[in-house]
Amino acid sequence: FDETFAAATGIRARMYNLLIAVVTAVFIVLAMNLVGSPLTSALIVLPALSAMRLFRRFRGVICCAGVMVVGCAVAGLLFSMRASGAVGATVVIADLVVFLGCSAVGVLVRR
């Protein structure tokens, strides 16, 4: 997560930073048209924050966040179909529940 340290250890941090920025920008542009801004924000921010509560290394955070995005989206979609509710709001609630659970686990593990 530290760009200066990564560059000092020989990792091409500027290239990775640019790659992450481009992928994030493409995801945001495509997702805004498909699902709207609240769901897009929740799909970007909450899984990353949840994964940061559990993992310290960049690779662990990225992998865990990807799994959480897919899991919360599927769970929210299935629950919204079952309850006949709004899909976007249900996915955001699933993301929030996972975030609260990861925060609780993170606090318990660090004690």
PDB file of N, CA and C in Angstrom:
ATOM      1  N   PHE A   1       0.802  -1.197   0.000  1.00  0.00           N
ATOM      2  CA  PHE A   1       0.000   0.000   0.000  1.00  0.00           C
ATOM      3  C   PHE A   1       0.849   1.267   0.000  1.00  0.00           C
ATOM      4  N   ASP A   2       2.131   1.138   0.249  1.00  0.00           N
ATOM      5  CA  ASP A   2       3.023   2.289   0.306  1.00  0.00           C
ATOM      6  C   ASP A   2       3.784   2.387  -1.011  1.00  0.00           C
ATOM      7  N   GLU A   3       3.427   3.371  -1.814  1.00  0.00           N
ATOM      8  CA  GLU A   3       4.013   3.510  -3.137  1.00  0.00           C
ATOM      9  C   GLU A   3       5.509   3.810  -3.077  1.00  0.00           C
ATOM     10  N   THR A   4       5.931   4.615  -2.130  1.00  0.00           N
ATOM     11  CA  THR A   4       7.339   4.963  -2.003  1.00  0.00           C
ATOM     12  C   THR A   4       8.175   3.751  -1.618  1.00  0.00           C
ATOM     13  N   PHE A   5       7.709   2.985  -0.653  1.00  0.00           N
ATOM     14  CA  PHE A   5       8.434   1.781  -0.232  1.00  0.00           C
ATOM     15  C   PHE A   5       8.489   0.754  -1.354  1.00  0.00           C
ATOM     16  N   ALA A   6       7.384   0.598  -2.065  1.00  0.00           N
ATOM     17  CA  ALA A   6       7.349  -0.365  -3.172  1.00  0.00           C
ATOM     18  C   ALA A   6       8.360   0.035  -4.253  1.00  0.00           C
ATOM     19  N   ALA A   7       8.433   1.321  -4.559  1.00  0.00           N
ATOM     20  CA  ALA A   7       9.397   1.781  -5.563  1.00  0.00           C
ATOM     21  C   ALA A   7      10.831   1.563  -5.081  1.00  0.00           C
ATOM     22  N   ALA A   8      11.060   1.736  -3.803  1.00  0.00           N
ATOM     23  CA  ALA A   8      12.399   1.548  -3.247  1.00  0.00           C
ATOM     24  C   ALA A   8      12.832   0.086  -3.285  1.00  0.00           C
ATOM     25  N   THR A   9      11.874  -0.841  -3.233  1.00  0.00           N
ATOM     26  CA  THR A   9      12.206  -2.264  -3.269  1.00  0.00           C
ATOM     27  C   THR A   9      12.288  -2.811  -4.693  1.00  0.00           C
ATOM     28  N   GLY A  10      12.100  -1.957  -5.687  1.00  0.00           N
ATOM     29  CA  GLY A  10      12.251  -2.381  -7.071  1.00  0.00           C
ATOM     30  C   GLY A  10      10.960  -2.720  -7.785  1.00  0.00           C
ATOM     31  N   ILE A  11       9.835  -2.566  -7.141  1.00  0.00           N
ATOM     32  CA  ILE A  11       8.546  -2.835  -7.778  1.00  0.00           C
ATOM     33  C   ILE A  11       8.158  -1.614  -8.608  1.00  0.00           C
ATOM     34  N   ARG A  12       7.626  -1.857  -9.787  1.00  0.00           N
ATOM     35  CA  ARG A  12       7.206  -0.746 -10.643  1.00  0.00           C
ATOM     36  C   ARG A  12       5.869  -0.204 -10.143  1.00  0.00           C
ATOM     37  N   ALA A  13       5.941   0.585  -9.102  1.00  0.00           N
ATOM     38  CA  ALA A  13       4.746   1.064  -8.413  1.00  0.00           C
ATOM     39  C   ALA A  13       3.928   2.015  -9.284  1.00  0.00           C
ATOM     40  N   ARG A  14       4.573   2.821 -10.078  1.00  0.00           N
ATOM     41  CA  ARG A  14       3.834   3.769 -10.924  1.00  0.00           C
ATOM     42  C   ARG A  14       2.974   3.039 -11.941  1.00  0.00           C
ATOM     43  N   MET A  15       3.503   1.925 -12.496  1.00  0.00           N
ATOM     44  CA  MET A  15       2.737   1.161 -13.465  1.00  0.00           C
ATOM     45  C   MET A  15       1.516   0.514 -12.801  1.00  0.00           C
ATOM     46  N   TYR A  16       1.714  -0.075 -11.624  1.00  0.00           N
ATOM     47  CA  TYR A  16       0.593  -0.686 -10.909  1.00  0.00           C
ATOM     48  C   TYR A  16      -0.428   0.365 -10.492  1.00  0.00           C
ATOM     49  N   ASN A  17       0.024   1.519 -10.076  1.00  0.00           N
ATOM     50  CA  ASN A  17      -0.871   2.597  -9.690  1.00  0.00           C
ATOM     51  C   ASN A  17      -1.715   3.036 -10.886  1.00  0.00           C
ATOM     52  N   LEU A  18      -1.082   3.177 -12.043  1.00  0.00           N
ATOM     53  CA  LEU A  18      -1.802   3.552 -13.258  1.00  0.00           C
ATOM     54  C   LEU A  18      -2.786   2.468 -13.667  1.00  0.00           C
ATOM     55  N   LEU A  19      -2.373   1.211 -13.589  1.00  0.00           N
ATOM     56  CA  LEU A  19      -3.253   0.101 -13.949  1.00  0.00           C
ATOM     57  C   LEU A  19      -4.491   0.057 -13.053  1.00  0.00           C
ATOM     58  N   ILE A  20      -4.297   0.220 -11.762  1.00  0.00           N
ATOM     59  CA  ILE A  20      -5.435   0.211 -10.835  1.00  0.00           C
ATOM     60  C   ILE A  20      -6.357   1.392 -11.103  1.00  0.00           C
ATOM     61  N   ALA A  21      -5.794   2.557 -11.386  1.00  0.00           N
ATOM     62  CA  ALA A  21      -6.615   3.736 -11.673  1.00  0.00           C
ATOM     63  C   ALA A  21      -7.435   3.558 -12.947  1.00  0.00           C
ATOM     64  N   VAL A  22      -6.832   2.984 -13.985  1.00  0.00           N
ATOM     65  CA  VAL A  22      -7.545   2.778 -15.248  1.00  0.00           C
ATOM     66  C   VAL A  22      -8.655   1.743 -15.080  1.00  0.00           C
ATOM     67  N   VAL A  23      -8.349   0.636 -14.419  1.00  0.00           N
ATOM     68  CA  VAL A  23      -9.371  -0.402 -14.209  1.00  0.00           C
ATOM     69  C   VAL A  23     -10.521   0.146 -13.362  1.00  0.00           C
ATOM     70  N   THR A  24     -10.208   0.909 -12.332  1.00  0.00           N
ATOM     71  CA  THR A  24     -11.251   1.500 -11.495  1.00  0.00           C
ATOM     72  C   THR A  24     -12.102   2.481 -12.297  1.00  0.00           C
ATOM     73  N   ALA A  25     -11.478   3.304 -13.109  1.00  0.00           N
ATOM     74  CA  ALA A  25     -12.224   4.272 -13.917  1.00  0.00           C
ATOM     75  C   ALA A  25     -13.147   3.575 -14.912  1.00  0.00           C
ATOM     76  N   VAL A  26     -12.656   2.534 -15.563  1.00  0.00           N
ATOM     77  CA  VAL A  26     -13.493   1.793 -16.518  1.00  0.00           C
ATOM     78  C   VAL A  26     -14.661   1.137 -15.794  1.00  0.00           C
ATOM     79  N   PHE A  27     -14.389   0.544 -14.633  1.00  0.00           N
ATOM     80  CA  PHE A  27     -15.460  -0.084 -13.855  1.00  0.00           C
ATOM     81  C   PHE A  27     -16.519   0.938 -13.455  1.00  0.00           C
ATOM     82  N   ILE A  28     -16.098   2.103 -13.003  1.00  0.00           N
ATOM     83  CA  ILE A  28     -17.049   3.121 -12.561  1.00  0.00           C
ATOM     84  C   ILE A  28     -17.900   3.606 -13.728  1.00  0.00           C
ATOM     85  N   VAL A  29     -17.288   3.877 -14.868  1.00  0.00           N
ATOM     86  CA  VAL A  29     -18.042   4.368 -16.029  1.00  0.00           C
ATOM     87  C   VAL A  29     -19.061   3.337 -16.486  1.00  0.00           C
ATOM     88  N   LEU A  30     -18.650   2.072 -16.572  1.00  0.00           N
ATOM     89  CA  LEU A  30     -19.578   1.031 -17.013  1.00  0.00           C
ATOM     90  C   LEU A  30     -20.665   0.771 -15.975  1.00  0.00           C
ATOM     91  N   ALA A  31     -20.295   0.745 -14.718  1.00  0.00           N
ATOM     92  CA  ALA A  31     -21.263   0.416 -13.672  1.00  0.00           C
ATOM     93  C   ALA A  31     -22.271   1.532 -13.447  1.00  0.00           C
ATOM     94  N   MET A  32     -21.867   2.778 -13.606  1.00  0.00           N
ATOM     95  CA  MET A  32     -22.805   3.896 -13.401  1.00  0.00           C
ATOM     96  C   MET A  32     -23.992   3.772 -14.343  1.00  0.00           C
ATOM     97  N   ASN A  33     -23.735   3.403 -15.576  1.00  0.00           N
ATOM     98  CA  ASN A  33     -24.824   3.274 -16.544  1.00  0.00           C
ATOM     99  C   ASN A  33     -25.699   2.060 -16.268  1.00  0.00           C
ATOM    100  N   LEU A  34     -25.109   1.021 -15.705  1.00  0.00           N
ATOM    101  CA  LEU A  34     -25.865  -0.205 -15.483  1.00  0.00           C
ATOM    102  C   LEU A  34     -26.661  -0.203 -14.185  1.00  0.00           C
ATOM    103  N   VAL A  35     -26.026   0.200 -13.086  1.00  0.00           N
ATOM    104  CA  VAL A  35     -26.677   0.014 -11.784  1.00  0.00           C
ATOM    105  C   VAL A  35     -26.850   1.293 -10.968  1.00  0.00           C
ATOM    106  N   GLY A  36     -26.260   2.392 -11.372  1.00  0.00           N
ATOM    107  CA  GLY A  36     -26.424   3.640 -10.634  1.00  0.00           C
ATOM    108  C   GLY A  36     -25.293   3.900  -9.653  1.00  0.00           C
ATOM    109  N   SER A  37     -25.253   5.111  -9.155  1.00  0.00           N
ATOM    110  CA  SER A  37     -24.128   5.535  -8.311  1.00  0.00           C
ATOM    111  C   SER A  37     -24.106   4.918  -6.912  1.00  0.00           C
ATOM    112  N   PRO A  38     -25.234   4.747  -6.206  1.00  0.00           N
ATOM    113  CA  PRO A  38     -25.125   4.155  -4.864  1.00  0.00           C
ATOM    114  C   PRO A  38     -24.564   2.740  -4.872  1.00  0.00           C
ATOM    115  N   LEU A  39     -25.030   1.927  -5.794  1.00  0.00           N
ATOM    116  CA  LEU A  39     -24.544   0.556  -5.870  1.00  0.00           C
ATOM    117  C   LEU A  39     -23.096   0.518  -6.325  1.00  0.00           C
ATOM    118  N   THR A  40     -22.732   1.367  -7.250  1.00  0.00           N
ATOM    119  CA  THR A  40     -21.346   1.422  -7.710  1.00  0.00           C
ATOM    120  C   THR A  40     -20.418   1.795  -6.572  1.00  0.00           C
ATOM    121  N   SER A  41     -20.790   2.791  -5.794  1.00  0.00           N
ATOM    122  CA  SER A  41     -19.969   3.203  -4.651  1.00  0.00           C
ATOM    123  C   SER A  41     -19.847   2.077  -3.639  1.00  0.00           C
ATOM    124  N   ALA A  42     -20.942   1.410  -3.358  1.00  0.00           N
ATOM    125  CA  ALA A  42     -20.920   0.313  -2.390  1.00  0.00           C
ATOM    126  C   ALA A  42     -20.063  -0.846  -2.891  1.00  0.00           C
ATOM    127  N   LEU A  43     -20.122  -1.134  -4.190  1.00  0.00           N
ATOM    128  CA  LEU A  43     -19.345  -2.240  -4.741  1.00  0.00           C
ATOM    129  C   LEU A  43     -17.851  -1.941  -4.775  1.00  0.00           C
ATOM    130  N   ILE A  44     -17.479  -0.681  -4.765  1.00  0.00           N
ATOM    131  CA  ILE A  44     -16.061  -0.325  -4.785  1.00  0.00           C
ATOM    132  C   ILE A  44     -15.520  -0.173  -3.375  1.00  0.00           C
ATOM    133  N   VAL A  45     -16.227   0.541  -2.528  1.00  0.00           N
ATOM    134  CA  VAL A  45     -15.685   0.931  -1.226  1.00  0.00           C
ATOM    135  C   VAL A  45     -15.835  -0.158  -0.163  1.00  0.00           C
ATOM    136  N   LEU A  46     -17.026  -0.680   0.032  1.00  0.00           N
ATOM    137  CA  LEU A  46     -17.267  -1.592   1.152  1.00  0.00           C
ATOM    138  C   LEU A  46     -16.470  -2.896   1.086  1.00  0.00           C
ATOM    139  N   PRO A  47     -16.374  -3.585  -0.040  1.00  0.00           N
ATOM    140  CA  PRO A  47     -15.552  -4.801  -0.043  1.00  0.00           C
ATOM    141  C   PRO A  47     -14.070  -4.522   0.224  1.00  0.00           C
ATOM    142  N   ALA A  48     -13.565  -3.417  -0.293  1.00  0.00           N
ATOM    143  CA  ALA A  48     -12.157  -3.080  -0.035  1.00  0.00           C
ATOM    144  C   ALA A  48     -11.928  -2.798   1.443  1.00  0.00           C
ATOM    145  N   LEU A  49     -12.834  -2.052   2.054  1.00  0.00           N
ATOM    146  CA  LEU A  49     -12.709  -1.780   3.489  1.00  0.00           C
ATOM    147  C   LEU A  49     -12.845  -3.055   4.310  1.00  0.00           C
ATOM    148  N   SER A  50     -13.756  -3.925   3.907  1.00  0.00           N
ATOM    149  CA  SER A  50     -13.942  -5.190   4.620  1.00  0.00           C
ATOM    150  C   SER A  50     -12.689  -6.046   4.544  1.00  0.00           C
ATOM    151  N   ALA A  51     -12.103  -6.140   3.358  1.00  0.00           N
ATOM    152  CA  ALA A  51     -10.901  -6.950   3.186  1.00  0.00           C
ATOM    153  C   ALA A  51      -9.722  -6.366   3.955  1.00  0.00           C
ATOM    154  N   MET A  52      -9.653  -5.049   4.060  1.00  0.00           N
ATOM    155  CA  MET A  52      -8.569  -4.414   4.811  1.00  0.00           C
ATOM    156  C   MET A  52      -8.670  -4.707   6.308  1.00  0.00           C
ATOM    157  N   ARG A  53      -9.856  -5.025   6.779  1.00  0.00           N
ATOM    158  CA  ARG A  53     -10.014  -5.394   8.182  1.00  0.00           C
ATOM    159  C   ARG A  53      -9.446  -6.779   8.472  1.00  0.00           C
ATOM    160  N   LEU A  54      -9.349  -7.625   7.421  1.00  0.00           N
ATOM    161  CA  LEU A  54      -8.908  -9.002   7.606  1.00  0.00           C
ATOM    162  C   LEU A  54      -7.471  -9.250   7.165  1.00  0.00           C
ATOM    163  N   PHE A  55      -7.014  -8.540   6.137  1.00  0.00           N
ATOM    164  CA  PHE A  55      -5.691  -8.790   5.561  1.00  0.00           C
ATOM    165  C   PHE A  55      -4.842  -7.534   5.604  1.00  0.00           C
ATOM    166  N   ARG A  56      -3.530  -7.731   5.666  1.00  0.00           N
ATOM    167  CA  ARG A  56      -2.580  -6.610   5.672  1.00  0.00           C
ATOM    168  C   ARG A  56      -1.849  -6.482   4.335  1.00  0.00           C
ATOM    169  N   ARG A  57      -1.706  -7.579   3.598  1.00  0.00           N
ATOM    170  CA  ARG A  57      -0.973  -7.553   2.335  1.00  0.00           C
ATOM    171  C   ARG A  57      -1.905  -7.192   1.182  1.00  0.00           C
ATOM    172  N   PHE A  58      -1.328  -6.534   0.190  1.00  0.00           N
ATOM    173  CA  PHE A  58      -2.102  -6.050  -0.953  1.00  0.00           C
ATOM    174  C   PHE A  58      -2.785  -7.189  -1.692  1.00  0.00           C
ATOM    175  N   ARG A  59      -2.071  -8.271  -1.940  1.00  0.00           N
ATOM    176  CA  ARG A  59      -2.635  -9.404  -2.679  1.00  0.00           C
ATOM    177  C   ARG A  59      -3.827  -9.997  -1.932  1.00  0.00           C
ATOM    178  N   GLY A  60      -3.715 -10.142  -0.614  1.00  0.00           N
ATOM    179  CA  GLY A  60      -4.819 -10.678   0.176  1.00  0.00           C
ATOM    180  C   GLY A  60      -6.044  -9.781   0.134  1.00  0.00           C
ATOM    181  N   VAL A  61      -5.815  -8.479   0.211  1.00  0.00           N
ATOM    182  CA  VAL A  61      -6.937  -7.521   0.167  1.00  0.00           C
ATOM    183  C   VAL A  61      -7.627  -7.584  -1.181  1.00  0.00           C
ATOM    184  N   ILE A  62      -6.867  -7.602  -2.264  1.00  0.00           N
ATOM    185  CA  ILE A  62      -7.460  -7.619  -3.603  1.00  0.00           C
ATOM    186  C   ILE A  62      -8.253  -8.906  -3.836  1.00  0.00           C
ATOM    187  N   CYS A  63      -7.672 -10.044  -3.497  1.00  0.00           N
ATOM    188  CA  CYS A  63      -8.370 -11.325  -3.698  1.00  0.00           C
ATOM    189  C   CYS A  63      -9.622 -11.425  -2.844  1.00  0.00           C
ATOM    190  N   CYS A  64      -9.505 -11.049  -1.582  1.00  0.00           N
ATOM    191  CA  CYS A  64     -10.653 -11.114  -0.681  1.00  0.00           C
ATOM    192  C   CYS A  64     -11.755 -10.148  -1.121  1.00  0.00           C
ATOM    193  N   ALA A  65     -11.378  -8.946  -1.530  1.00  0.00           N
ATOM    194  CA  ALA A  65     -12.370  -7.966  -1.975  1.00  0.00           C
ATOM    195  C   ALA A  65     -13.098  -8.455  -3.227  1.00  0.00           C
ATOM    196  N   GLY A  66     -12.375  -9.092  -4.138  1.00  0.00           N
ATOM    197  CA  GLY A  66     -13.017  -9.635  -5.333  1.00  0.00           C
ATOM    198  C   GLY A  66     -14.032 -10.713  -5.007  1.00  0.00           C
ATOM    199  N   VAL A  67     -13.663 -11.590  -4.080  1.00  0.00           N
ATOM    200  CA  VAL A  67     -14.594 -12.643  -3.653  1.00  0.00           C
ATOM    201  C   VAL A  67     -15.813 -12.024  -2.959  1.00  0.00           C
ATOM    202  N   MET A  68     -15.571 -11.005  -2.131  1.00  0.00           N
ATOM    203  CA  MET A  68     -16.679 -10.355  -1.428  1.00  0.00           C
ATOM    204  C   MET A  68     -17.632  -9.652  -2.387  1.00  0.00           C
ATOM    205  N   VAL A  69     -17.100  -9.012  -3.426  1.00  0.00           N
ATOM    206  CA  VAL A  69     -17.954  -8.329  -4.401  1.00  0.00           C
ATOM    207  C   VAL A  69     -18.895  -9.325  -5.061  1.00  0.00           C
ATOM    208  N   VAL A  70     -18.342 -10.420  -5.514  1.00  0.00           N
ATOM    209  CA  VAL A  70     -19.162 -11.422  -6.195  1.00  0.00           C
ATOM    210  C   VAL A  70     -20.156 -12.049  -5.220  1.00  0.00           C
ATOM    211  N   GLY A  71     -19.684 -12.407  -4.027  1.00  0.00           N
ATOM    212  CA  GLY A  71     -20.566 -13.027  -3.040  1.00  0.00           C
ATOM    213  C   GLY A  71     -21.711 -12.129  -2.612  1.00  0.00           C
ATOM    214  N   CYS A  72     -21.408 -10.871  -2.341  1.00  0.00           N
ATOM    215  CA  CYS A  72     -22.461  -9.933  -1.919  1.00  0.00           C
ATOM    216  C   CYS A  72     -23.436  -9.640  -3.056  1.00  0.00           C
ATOM    217  N   ALA A  73     -22.917  -9.546  -4.277  1.00  0.00           N
ATOM    218  CA  ALA A  73     -23.808  -9.297  -5.415  1.00  0.00           C
ATOM    219  C   ALA A  73     -24.764 -10.473  -5.627  1.00  0.00           C
ATOM    220  N   VAL A  74     -24.236 -11.690  -5.550  1.00  0.00           N
ATOM    221  CA  VAL A  74     -25.094 -12.871  -5.728  1.00  0.00           C
ATOM    222  C   VAL A  74     -26.081 -12.993  -4.570  1.00  0.00           C
ATOM    223  N   ALA A  75     -25.601 -12.805  -3.342  1.00  0.00           N
ATOM    224  CA  ALA A  75     -26.494 -12.900  -2.178  1.00  0.00           C
ATOM    225  C   ALA A  75     -27.578 -11.827  -2.233  1.00  0.00           C
ATOM    226  N   GLY A  76     -27.196 -10.611  -2.586  1.00  0.00           N
ATOM    227  CA  GLY A  76     -28.180  -9.531  -2.685  1.00  0.00           C
ATOM    228  C   GLY A  76     -29.191  -9.783  -3.776  1.00  0.00           C
ATOM    229  N   LEU A  77     -28.732 -10.299  -4.912  1.00  0.00           N
ATOM    230  CA  LEU A  77     -29.639 -10.598  -6.012  1.00  0.00           C
ATOM    231  C   LEU A  77     -30.618 -11.706  -5.630  1.00  0.00           C
ATOM    232  N   LEU A  78     -30.109 -12.779  -5.036  1.00  0.00           N
ATOM    233  CA  LEU A  78     -30.990 -13.883  -4.645  1.00  0.00           C
ATOM    234  C   LEU A  78     -31.989 -13.457  -3.569  1.00  0.00           C
ATOM    235  N   PHE A  79     -31.507 -12.691  -2.580  1.00  0.00           N
ATOM    236  CA  PHE A  79     -32.404 -12.259  -1.519  1.00  0.00           C
ATOM    237  C   PHE A  79     -33.456 -11.283  -2.038  1.00  0.00           C
ATOM    238  N   SER A  80     -33.071 -10.412  -2.968  1.00  0.00           N
ATOM    239  CA  SER A  80     -34.049  -9.462  -3.506  1.00  0.00           C
ATOM    240  C   SER A  80     -35.106 -10.166  -4.344  1.00  0.00           C
ATOM    241  N   MET A  81     -34.708 -11.226  -5.062  1.00  0.00           N
ATOM    242  CA  MET A  81     -35.705 -11.983  -5.824  1.00  0.00           C
ATOM    243  C   MET A  81     -36.646 -12.720  -4.873  1.00  0.00           C
ATOM    244  N   ARG A  82     -36.098 -13.237  -3.795  1.00  0.00           N
ATOM    245  CA  ARG A  82     -36.916 -13.971  -2.821  1.00  0.00           C
ATOM    246  C   ARG A  82     -37.886 -13.040  -2.089  1.00  0.00           C
ATOM    247  N   ALA A  83     -37.402 -11.839  -1.758  1.00  0.00           N
ATOM    248  CA  ALA A  83     -38.218 -10.899  -0.990  1.00  0.00           C
ATOM    249  C   ALA A  83     -38.955  -9.892  -1.873  1.00  0.00           C
ATOM    250  N   SER A  84     -38.778  -9.970  -3.191  1.00  0.00           N
ATOM    251  CA  SER A  84     -39.383  -9.038  -4.143  1.00  0.00           C
ATOM    252  C   SER A  84     -39.037  -7.592  -3.804  1.00  0.00           C
ATOM    253  N   GLY A  85     -37.760  -7.350  -3.569  1.00  0.00           N
ATOM    254  CA  GLY A  85     -37.311  -6.009  -3.225  1.00  0.00           C
ATOM    255  C   GLY A  85     -36.400  -5.444  -4.290  1.00  0.00           C
ATOM    256  N   ALA A  86     -35.849  -4.288  -3.999  1.00  0.00           N
ATOM    257  CA  ALA A  86     -34.939  -3.614  -4.923  1.00  0.00           C
ATOM    258  C   ALA A  86     -33.569  -4.285  -4.872  1.00  0.00           C
ATOM    259  N   VAL A  87     -33.023  -4.600  -6.020  1.00  0.00           N
ATOM    260  CA  VAL A  87     -31.749  -5.314  -6.089  1.00  0.00           C
ATOM    261  C   VAL A  87     -30.606  -4.459  -5.569  1.00  0.00           C
ATOM    262  N   GLY A  88     -30.542  -3.205  -6.001  1.00  0.00           N
ATOM    263  CA  GLY A  88     -29.447  -2.330  -5.595  1.00  0.00           C
ATOM    264  C   GLY A  88     -29.352  -2.165  -4.096  1.00  0.00           C
ATOM    265  N   ALA A  89     -30.473  -1.893  -3.474  1.00  0.00           N
ATOM    266  CA  ALA A  89     -30.485  -1.702  -2.022  1.00  0.00           C
ATOM    267  C   ALA A  89     -30.119  -2.987  -1.289  1.00  0.00           C
ATOM    268  N   THR A  90     -30.552  -4.117  -1.795  1.00  0.00           N
ATOM    269  CA  THR A  90     -30.249  -5.386  -1.147  1.00  0.00           C
ATOM    270  C   THR A  90     -28.760  -5.722  -1.245  1.00  0.00           C
ATOM    271  N   VAL A  91     -28.146  -5.413  -2.366  1.00  0.00           N
ATOM    272  CA  VAL A  91     -26.704  -5.651  -2.513  1.00  0.00           C
ATOM    273  C   VAL A  91     -25.925  -4.737  -1.569  1.00  0.00           C
ATOM    274  N   VAL A  92     -26.351  -3.489  -1.442  1.00  0.00           N
ATOM    275  CA  VAL A  92     -25.690  -2.560  -0.520  1.00  0.00           C
ATOM    276  C   VAL A  92     -25.832  -3.052   0.918  1.00  0.00           C
ATOM    277  N   ILE A  93     -26.993  -3.557   1.279  1.00  0.00           N
ATOM    278  CA  ILE A  93     -27.195  -4.088   2.628  1.00  0.00           C
ATOM    279  C   ILE A  93     -26.314  -5.316   2.857  1.00  0.00           C
ATOM    280  N   ALA A  94     -26.194  -6.186   1.855  1.00  0.00           N
ATOM    281  CA  ALA A  94     -25.313  -7.355   1.976  1.00  0.00           C
ATOM    282  C   ALA A  94     -23.865  -6.910   2.165  1.00  0.00           C
ATOM    283  N   ASP A  95     -23.432  -5.895   1.418  1.00  0.00           N
ATOM    284  CA  ASP A  95     -22.077  -5.358   1.582  1.00  0.00           C
ATOM    285  C   ASP A  95     -21.877  -4.784   2.980  1.00  0.00           C
ATOM    286  N   LEU A  96     -22.873  -4.091   3.472  1.00  0.00           N
ATOM    287  CA  LEU A  96     -22.785  -3.489   4.808  1.00  0.00           C
ATOM    288  C   LEU A  96     -22.716  -4.565   5.891  1.00  0.00           C
ATOM    289  N   VAL A  97     -23.504  -5.618   5.759  1.00  0.00           N
ATOM    290  CA  VAL A  97     -23.479  -6.713   6.734  1.00  0.00           C
ATOM    291  C   VAL A  97     -22.108  -7.389   6.737  1.00  0.00           C
ATOM    292  N   VAL A  98     -21.543  -7.613   5.562  1.00  0.00           N
ATOM    293  CA  VAL A  98     -20.211  -8.231   5.475  1.00  0.00           C
ATOM    294  C   VAL A  98     -19.166  -7.304   6.088  1.00  0.00           C
ATOM    295  N   PHE A  99     -19.280  -5.994   5.830  1.00  0.00           N
ATOM    296  CA  PHE A  99     -18.339  -5.044   6.414  1.00  0.00           C
ATOM    297  C   PHE A  99     -18.405  -5.063   7.939  1.00  0.00           C
ATOM    298  N   LEU A 100     -19.594  -5.064   8.489  1.00  0.00           N
ATOM    299  CA  LEU A 100     -19.736  -5.095   9.949  1.00  0.00           C
ATOM    300  C   LEU A 100     -19.178  -6.398  10.526  1.00  0.00           C
ATOM    301  N   GLY A 101     -19.426  -7.509   9.833  1.00  0.00           N
ATOM    302  CA  GLY A 101     -18.876  -8.787  10.273  1.00  0.00           C
ATOM    303  C   GLY A 101     -17.359  -8.811  10.215  1.00  0.00           C
ATOM    304  N   CYS A 102     -16.782  -8.291   9.148  1.00  0.00           N
ATOM    305  CA  CYS A 102     -15.318  -8.242   9.024  1.00  0.00           C
ATOM    306  C   CYS A 102     -14.704  -7.296  10.051  1.00  0.00           C
ATOM    307  N   SER A 103     -15.402  -6.214  10.358  1.00  0.00           N
ATOM    308  CA  SER A 103     -14.908  -5.294  11.379  1.00  0.00           C
ATOM    309  C   SER A 103     -14.885  -5.977  12.739  1.00  0.00           C
ATOM    310  N   ALA A 104     -15.927  -6.740  13.046  1.00  0.00           N
ATOM    311  CA  ALA A 104     -15.976  -7.461  14.313  1.00  0.00           C
ATOM    312  C   ALA A 104     -14.870  -8.516  14.386  1.00  0.00           C
ATOM    313  N   VAL A 105     -14.675  -9.255  13.303  1.00  0.00           N
ATOM    314  CA  VAL A 105     -13.609 -10.266  13.273  1.00  0.00           C
ATOM    315  C   VAL A 105     -12.259  -9.606  13.402  1.00  0.00           C
ATOM    316  N   GLY A 106     -12.047  -8.480  12.716  1.00  0.00           N
ATOM    317  CA  GLY A 106     -10.786  -7.768  12.787  1.00  0.00           C
ATOM    318  C   GLY A 106     -10.471  -7.290  14.196  1.00  0.00           C
ATOM    319  N   VAL A 107     -11.479  -6.826  14.915  1.00  0.00           N
ATOM    320  CA  VAL A 107     -11.273  -6.374  16.309  1.00  0.00           C
ATOM    321  C   VAL A 107     -10.939  -7.563  17.202  1.00  0.00           C
ATOM    322  N   LEU A 108     -11.652  -8.670  17.028  1.00  0.00           N
ATOM    323  CA  LEU A 108     -11.416  -9.850  17.862  1.00  0.00           C
ATOM    324  C   LEU A 108     -10.045 -10.468  17.617  1.00  0.00           C
ATOM    325  N   VAL A 109      -9.604 -10.494  16.373  1.00  0.00           N
ATOM    326  CA  VAL A 109      -8.324 -11.107  16.042  1.00  0.00           C
ATOM    327  C   VAL A 109      -7.156 -10.261  16.576  1.00  0.00           C
ATOM    328  N   ARG A 110      -7.290  -8.972  16.558  1.00  0.00           N
ATOM    329  CA  ARG A 110      -6.197  -8.096  16.985  1.00  0.00           C
ATOM    330  C   ARG A 110      -6.053  -8.001  18.490  1.00  0.00           C
ATOM    331  N   ARG A 111      -6.973  -8.535  19.243  1.00  0.00           N
ATOM    332  CA  ARG A 111      -6.881  -8.478  20.720  1.00  0.00           C
ATOM    333  C   ARG A 111      -5.949  -9.491  21.239  1.00  0.00           C
TER     334      ARG A 111
END
